[in-house]
Amino acid sequence: MSFKTAAEMREITQESIMSDVEKEMEARAKQGKYEYAFDGLLTTMQKEKLIELGYNVRTGYQYNEPWAIISW
């Protein structure tokens, strides 16, 4: 059995989240939509990566719950 460090687990989790976000963005684009909105949190690193790739990213909180909108 191999044990992973906290940093390795965090990276795996972030990659998984980005994979899910990418799949949802692709599905929306195929539907002819120009944004993906969801309740949840993007890390600073994820947000910066999306912006670097040319996406418009807005995040915030409503009633202490995080939300994000990614548009293209």
C-alpha atoms as a PDB file:
ATOM      1  CA  MET A   1       0.000   0.000   0.000  1.00  0.00           C
ATOM      2  CA  SER A   2       1.394   3.418  -0.890  1.00  0.00           C
ATOM      3  CA  PHE A   3       0.639   6.406   1.274  1.00  0.00           C
ATOM      4  CA  LYS A   4       0.317   9.876  -0.176  1.00  0.00           C
ATOM      5  CA  THR A   5       1.294  13.111   1.458  1.00  0.00           C
ATOM      6  CA  ALA A   6      -1.269  15.825   2.109  1.00  0.00           C
ATOM      7  CA  ALA A   7       0.194  17.866  -0.752  1.00  0.00           C
ATOM      8  CA  GLU A   8      -0.161  14.919  -3.160  1.00  0.00           C
ATOM      9  CA  MET A   9      -3.755  14.329  -2.082  1.00  0.00           C
ATOM     10  CA  ARG A  10      -4.571  18.026  -2.472  1.00  0.00           C
ATOM     11  CA  GLU A  11      -3.158  17.988  -6.016  1.00  0.00           C
ATOM     12  CA  ILE A  12      -5.158  14.866  -6.917  1.00  0.00           C
ATOM     13  CA  THR A  13      -8.333  16.467  -5.550  1.00  0.00           C
ATOM     14  CA  GLN A  14      -7.753  19.711  -7.459  1.00  0.00           C
ATOM     15  CA  GLU A  15      -7.088  17.791 -10.684  1.00  0.00           C
ATOM     16  CA  SER A  16     -10.312  15.859 -10.166  1.00  0.00           C
ATOM     17  CA  ILE A  17     -12.296  19.053  -9.592  1.00  0.00           C
ATOM     18  CA  MET A  18     -10.800  20.671 -12.687  1.00  0.00           C
ATOM     19  CA  SER A  19     -11.626  17.565 -14.710  1.00  0.00           C
ATOM     20  CA  ASP A  20     -15.261  17.769 -13.594  1.00  0.00           C
ATOM     21  CA  VAL A  21     -15.392  21.506 -14.364  1.00  0.00           C
ATOM     22  CA  GLU A  22     -13.860  20.938 -17.809  1.00  0.00           C
ATOM     23  CA  LYS A  23     -16.422  18.228 -18.610  1.00  0.00           C
ATOM     24  CA  GLU A  24     -19.302  20.506 -17.594  1.00  0.00           C
ATOM     25  CA  MET A  25     -17.869  23.419 -19.609  1.00  0.00           C
ATOM     26  CA  GLU A  26     -17.547  21.183 -22.664  1.00  0.00           C
ATOM     27  CA  ALA A  27     -21.133  19.958 -22.272  1.00  0.00           C
ATOM     28  CA  ARG A  28     -22.411  23.550 -22.034  1.00  0.00           C
ATOM     29  CA  ALA A  29     -20.401  24.595 -25.092  1.00  0.00           C
ATOM     30  CA  LYS A  30     -21.864  21.691 -27.093  1.00  0.00           C
ATOM     31  CA  GLN A  31     -25.330  22.985 -26.121  1.00  0.00           C
ATOM     32  CA  GLY A  32     -24.396  26.383 -27.574  1.00  0.00           C
ATOM     33  CA  LYS A  33     -24.065  28.032 -24.185  1.00  0.00           C
ATOM     34  CA  TYR A  34     -21.336  30.482 -23.233  1.00  0.00           C
ATOM     35  CA  GLU A  35     -21.046  29.984 -19.496  1.00  0.00           C
ATOM     36  CA  TYR A  36     -21.036  27.421 -16.733  1.00  0.00           C
ATOM     37  CA  ALA A  37     -22.409  28.468 -13.342  1.00  0.00           C
ATOM     38  CA  PHE A  38     -22.266  26.280 -10.275  1.00  0.00           C
ATOM     39  CA  ASP A  39     -22.429  26.305  -6.503  1.00  0.00           C
ATOM     40  CA  GLY A  40     -19.004  25.455  -5.222  1.00  0.00           C
ATOM     41  CA  LEU A  41     -15.520  26.709  -4.683  1.00  0.00           C
ATOM     42  CA  LEU A  42     -12.606  27.163  -7.058  1.00  0.00           C
ATOM     43  CA  THR A  43      -9.182  27.437  -5.520  1.00  0.00           C
ATOM     44  CA  THR A  44      -7.041  30.456  -6.345  1.00  0.00           C
ATOM     45  CA  MET A  45      -4.806  28.209  -8.444  1.00  0.00           C
ATOM     46  CA  GLN A  46      -7.772  26.852 -10.421  1.00  0.00           C
ATOM     47  CA  LYS A  47      -9.175  30.341 -10.974  1.00  0.00           C
ATOM     48  CA  GLU A  48      -5.793  31.658 -12.130  1.00  0.00           C
ATOM     49  CA  LYS A  49      -5.379  28.739 -14.547  1.00  0.00           C
ATOM     50  CA  LEU A  50      -8.796  29.342 -16.091  1.00  0.00           C
ATOM     51  CA  ILE A  51      -8.059  33.064 -16.470  1.00  0.00           C
ATOM     52  CA  GLU A  52      -4.667  32.224 -18.002  1.00  0.00           C
ATOM     53  CA  LEU A  53      -6.504  30.070 -20.550  1.00  0.00           C
ATOM     54  CA  GLY A  54      -8.692  33.049 -21.496  1.00  0.00           C
ATOM     55  CA  TYR A  55     -11.864  32.363 -19.512  1.00  0.00           C
ATOM     56  CA  ASN A  56     -13.776  35.012 -17.588  1.00  0.00           C
ATOM     57  CA  VAL A  57     -14.161  33.754 -14.020  1.00  0.00           C
ATOM     58  CA  ARG A  58     -16.387  35.297 -11.372  1.00  0.00           C
ATOM     59  CA  THR A  59     -16.688  33.907  -7.870  1.00  0.00           C
ATOM     60  CA  GLY A  60     -18.459  34.952  -4.732  1.00  0.00           C
ATOM     61  CA  TYR A  61     -20.560  33.954  -1.789  1.00  0.00           C
ATOM     62  CA  GLN A  62     -24.269  34.202  -1.147  1.00  0.00           C
ATOM     63  CA  TYR A  63     -25.596  33.238   2.252  1.00  0.00           C
ATOM     64  CA  ASN A  64     -22.097  31.925   3.083  1.00  0.00           C
ATOM     65  CA  GLU A  65     -22.207  29.491   0.161  1.00  0.00           C
ATOM     66  CA  PRO A  66     -19.595  29.798  -2.611  1.00  0.00           C
ATOM     67  CA  TRP A  67     -20.540  30.073  -6.275  1.00  0.00           C
ATOM     68  CA  ALA A  68     -18.627  30.424  -9.542  1.00  0.00           C
ATOM     69  CA  ILE A  69     -19.425  31.431 -13.101  1.00  0.00           C
ATOM     70  CA  ILE A  70     -17.019  30.605 -15.894  1.00  0.00           C
ATOM     71  CA  SER A  71     -17.741  32.176 -19.269  1.00  0.00           C
ATOM     72  CA  TRP A  72     -16.104  32.145 -22.682  1.00  0.00           C
END
